Amino acid sequence: MNPAEPPPPAGRRNRIVLPATCSVHQAPRGRTTVAVSKLPDGRIEFDPHLSGACVFAVEEDELIKVLLRMGWR
């Protein structure tokens, strides 16, 4: 976070929103959004479309394994 920017609203400090692509709805690339949040219990939650209709969470350690396996640092 840039020190000149105000802090995010309370409750949003552990959440980011990413542009994504939805193959089901066939939206153009980057026209779908996915909210990624770190839950208090340490799991990482994904909320496609920001609707809460299909939310899934994974353990942080498991997500790190995926990233390492894919060659990301």
N, C-alpha and C. Protein backbone atom coordinates (compact mmCIF):
# COMPACT_ATOMS: atom_id res chain seq x y z
N MET A 1 0.84 -1.18 0.00
CA MET A 1 0.00 0.00 0.00
C MET A 1 0.88 1.23 0.00
N ASN A 2 0.53 2.21 -0.80
CA ASN A 2 1.23 3.47 -0.87
C ASN A 2 0.92 4.28 0.39
N PRO A 3 1.96 4.78 1.10
CA PRO A 3 1.69 5.54 2.33
C PRO A 3 0.81 6.76 2.10
N ALA A 4 0.78 7.30 0.88
CA ALA A 4 -0.04 8.47 0.60
C ALA A 4 -1.52 8.10 0.43
N GLU A 5 -1.80 6.83 0.20
CA GLU A 5 -3.18 6.39 0.01
C GLU A 5 -3.84 6.13 1.36
N PRO A 6 -5.14 6.40 1.45
CA PRO A 6 -5.83 6.06 2.70
C PRO A 6 -5.90 4.54 2.86
N PRO A 7 -5.96 4.05 4.09
CA PRO A 7 -6.07 2.61 4.28
C PRO A 7 -7.40 2.09 3.76
N PRO A 8 -7.47 0.82 3.39
CA PRO A 8 -8.74 0.27 2.91
C PRO A 8 -9.76 0.28 4.04
N PRO A 9 -11.06 0.25 3.70
CA PRO A 9 -12.08 0.23 4.74
C PRO A 9 -11.90 -0.96 5.67
N ALA A 10 -12.33 -0.82 6.90
CA ALA A 10 -12.24 -1.92 7.86
C ALA A 10 -12.91 -3.15 7.28
N GLY A 11 -12.30 -4.30 7.47
CA GLY A 11 -12.85 -5.54 6.93
C GLY A 11 -12.39 -5.85 5.52
N ARG A 12 -11.74 -4.93 4.87
CA ARG A 12 -11.29 -5.13 3.49
C ARG A 12 -9.78 -5.24 3.39
N ARG A 13 -9.07 -5.20 4.50
CA ARG A 13 -7.61 -5.22 4.47
C ARG A 13 -7.06 -6.53 3.92
N ASN A 14 -7.79 -7.60 4.07
CA ASN A 14 -7.32 -8.91 3.61
C ASN A 14 -8.04 -9.34 2.34
N ARG A 15 -8.49 -8.40 1.53
CA ARG A 15 -9.25 -8.72 0.32
C ARG A 15 -8.70 -7.93 -0.86
N ILE A 16 -8.54 -8.64 -1.99
CA ILE A 16 -8.21 -7.97 -3.24
C ILE A 16 -9.18 -8.46 -4.31
N VAL A 17 -9.36 -7.66 -5.33
CA VAL A 17 -10.24 -8.02 -6.44
C VAL A 17 -9.39 -8.06 -7.69
N LEU A 18 -9.48 -9.19 -8.41
CA LEU A 18 -8.66 -9.41 -9.60
C LEU A 18 -9.52 -9.51 -10.85
N PRO A 19 -9.03 -8.98 -11.98
CA PRO A 19 -9.71 -9.25 -13.24
C PRO A 19 -9.48 -10.71 -13.61
N ALA A 20 -10.49 -11.33 -14.17
CA ALA A 20 -10.40 -12.75 -14.52
C ALA A 20 -11.24 -13.02 -15.76
N THR A 21 -11.26 -14.26 -16.18
CA THR A 21 -12.06 -14.69 -17.32
C THR A 21 -12.96 -15.83 -16.88
N CYS A 22 -14.23 -15.76 -17.25
CA CYS A 22 -15.19 -16.80 -16.90
C CYS A 22 -15.53 -17.59 -18.16
N SER A 23 -15.10 -18.85 -18.21
CA SER A 23 -15.38 -19.66 -19.40
C SER A 23 -16.85 -20.07 -19.47
N VAL A 24 -17.53 -20.13 -18.33
CA VAL A 24 -18.96 -20.50 -18.34
C VAL A 24 -19.79 -19.41 -18.99
N HIS A 25 -19.55 -18.17 -18.60
CA HIS A 25 -20.34 -17.06 -19.13
C HIS A 25 -19.72 -16.46 -20.40
N GLN A 26 -18.56 -16.92 -20.77
CA GLN A 26 -17.86 -16.52 -21.99
C GLN A 26 -17.71 -15.00 -22.11
N ALA A 27 -17.41 -14.38 -20.99
CA ALA A 27 -17.15 -12.94 -21.01
C ALA A 27 -15.76 -12.70 -21.60
N PRO A 28 -15.54 -11.52 -22.17
CA PRO A 28 -14.21 -11.22 -22.68
C PRO A 28 -13.16 -11.32 -21.58
N ARG A 29 -11.94 -11.57 -21.97
CA ARG A 29 -10.84 -11.73 -21.02
C ARG A 29 -10.73 -10.50 -20.11
N GLY A 30 -10.66 -10.75 -18.82
CA GLY A 30 -10.51 -9.68 -17.86
C GLY A 30 -11.80 -8.97 -17.47
N ARG A 31 -12.94 -9.42 -18.00
CA ARG A 31 -14.20 -8.73 -17.73
C ARG A 31 -14.97 -9.33 -16.56
N THR A 32 -14.45 -10.36 -15.97
CA THR A 32 -15.05 -10.96 -14.79
C THR A 32 -14.17 -10.59 -13.61
N THR A 33 -14.72 -10.55 -12.43
CA THR A 33 -13.91 -10.24 -11.26
C THR A 33 -13.96 -11.40 -10.27
N VAL A 34 -12.88 -11.52 -9.53
CA VAL A 34 -12.79 -12.54 -8.49
C VAL A 34 -12.25 -11.84 -7.24
N ALA A 35 -12.96 -11.96 -6.14
CA ALA A 35 -12.47 -11.42 -4.87
C ALA A 35 -11.67 -12.52 -4.18
N VAL A 36 -10.49 -12.17 -3.71
CA VAL A 36 -9.64 -13.12 -2.98
C VAL A 36 -9.43 -12.53 -1.59
N SER A 37 -9.80 -13.30 -0.58
CA SER A 37 -9.72 -12.82 0.81
C SER A 37 -8.96 -13.82 1.67
N LYS A 38 -8.26 -13.30 2.65
CA LYS A 38 -7.65 -14.17 3.65
C LYS A 38 -8.57 -14.17 4.86
N LEU A 39 -9.10 -15.34 5.19
CA LEU A 39 -10.03 -15.47 6.29
C LEU A 39 -9.29 -15.48 7.63
N PRO A 40 -9.98 -15.16 8.72
CA PRO A 40 -9.33 -15.14 10.04
C PRO A 40 -8.67 -16.47 10.41
N ASP A 41 -9.20 -17.58 9.90
CA ASP A 41 -8.61 -18.89 10.24
C ASP A 41 -7.43 -19.25 9.34
N GLY A 42 -7.03 -18.32 8.44
CA GLY A 42 -5.86 -18.54 7.60
C GLY A 42 -6.16 -19.09 6.22
N ARG A 43 -7.40 -19.54 5.97
CA ARG A 43 -7.73 -20.03 4.63
C ARG A 43 -7.84 -18.87 3.66
N ILE A 44 -7.66 -19.17 2.37
CA ILE A 44 -7.81 -18.19 1.31
C ILE A 44 -9.14 -18.47 0.62
N GLU A 45 -9.98 -17.44 0.53
CA GLU A 45 -11.32 -17.59 -0.04
C GLU A 45 -11.38 -16.90 -1.40
N PHE A 46 -12.01 -17.57 -2.36
CA PHE A 46 -12.23 -17.03 -3.70
C PHE A 46 -13.73 -16.86 -3.92
N ASP A 47 -14.12 -15.69 -4.39
CA ASP A 47 -15.53 -15.39 -4.65
C ASP A 47 -15.66 -14.89 -6.09
N PRO A 48 -15.85 -15.83 -7.05
CA PRO A 48 -16.01 -15.42 -8.44
C PRO A 48 -17.26 -14.56 -8.61
N HIS A 49 -17.17 -13.56 -9.42
CA HIS A 49 -18.27 -12.65 -9.75
C HIS A 49 -18.70 -11.76 -8.58
N LEU A 50 -18.04 -11.87 -7.44
CA LEU A 50 -18.36 -11.06 -6.26
C LEU A 50 -19.82 -11.22 -5.84
N SER A 51 -20.40 -12.37 -6.13
CA SER A 51 -21.82 -12.56 -5.85
C SER A 51 -22.09 -13.39 -4.60
N GLY A 52 -21.09 -14.11 -4.12
CA GLY A 52 -21.30 -14.99 -2.98
C GLY A 52 -22.02 -16.27 -3.34
N ALA A 53 -22.33 -16.47 -4.62
CA ALA A 53 -23.09 -17.65 -5.04
C ALA A 53 -22.23 -18.91 -5.10
N CYS A 54 -20.95 -18.76 -5.40
CA CYS A 54 -20.07 -19.93 -5.51
C CYS A 54 -18.73 -19.56 -4.90
N VAL A 55 -18.67 -19.59 -3.60
CA VAL A 55 -17.47 -19.20 -2.87
C VAL A 55 -16.74 -20.46 -2.44
N PHE A 56 -15.42 -20.48 -2.63
CA PHE A 56 -14.65 -21.63 -2.14
C PHE A 56 -13.42 -21.13 -1.42
N ALA A 57 -12.94 -21.95 -0.49
CA ALA A 57 -11.78 -21.58 0.31
C ALA A 57 -10.79 -22.73 0.31
N VAL A 58 -9.51 -22.39 0.32
CA VAL A 58 -8.45 -23.40 0.39
C VAL A 58 -7.50 -23.02 1.52
N GLU A 59 -6.83 -24.03 2.04
CA GLU A 59 -5.83 -23.78 3.07
C GLU A 59 -4.67 -23.01 2.44
N GLU A 60 -4.12 -22.06 3.16
CA GLU A 60 -3.02 -21.26 2.65
C GLU A 60 -1.83 -22.13 2.25
N ASP A 61 -1.50 -23.12 3.05
CA ASP A 61 -0.37 -24.01 2.74
C ASP A 61 -0.59 -24.75 1.42
N GLU A 62 -1.82 -25.17 1.17
CA GLU A 62 -2.13 -25.88 -0.07
C GLU A 62 -2.02 -24.96 -1.27
N LEU A 63 -2.45 -23.72 -1.12
CA LEU A 63 -2.34 -22.76 -2.21
C LEU A 63 -0.87 -22.46 -2.51
N ILE A 64 -0.05 -22.36 -1.49
CA ILE A 64 1.39 -22.15 -1.69
C ILE A 64 1.99 -23.33 -2.46
N LYS A 65 1.57 -24.55 -2.14
CA LYS A 65 2.05 -25.73 -2.87
C LYS A 65 1.70 -25.63 -4.35
N VAL A 66 0.49 -25.17 -4.65
CA VAL A 66 0.07 -25.02 -6.05
C VAL A 66 0.97 -24.00 -6.75
N LEU A 67 1.18 -22.86 -6.12
CA LEU A 67 2.01 -21.82 -6.73
C LEU A 67 3.43 -22.30 -6.96
N LEU A 68 4.01 -22.98 -5.99
CA LEU A 68 5.37 -23.51 -6.16
C LEU A 68 5.42 -24.55 -7.26
N ARG A 69 4.43 -25.41 -7.32
CA ARG A 69 4.39 -26.46 -8.34
C ARG A 69 4.30 -25.87 -9.74
N MET A 70 3.64 -24.71 -9.86
CA MET A 70 3.49 -24.06 -11.16
C MET A 70 4.70 -23.18 -11.50
N GLY A 71 5.68 -23.13 -10.60
CA GLY A 71 6.89 -22.38 -10.90
C GLY A 71 6.85 -20.93 -10.49
N TRP A 72 5.84 -20.52 -9.71
CA TRP A 72 5.77 -19.14 -9.24
C TRP A 72 6.52 -19.02 -7.94
N ARG A 73 7.03 -17.86 -7.67
CA ARG A 73 7.80 -17.65 -6.44
C ARG A 73 7.05 -16.76 -5.50
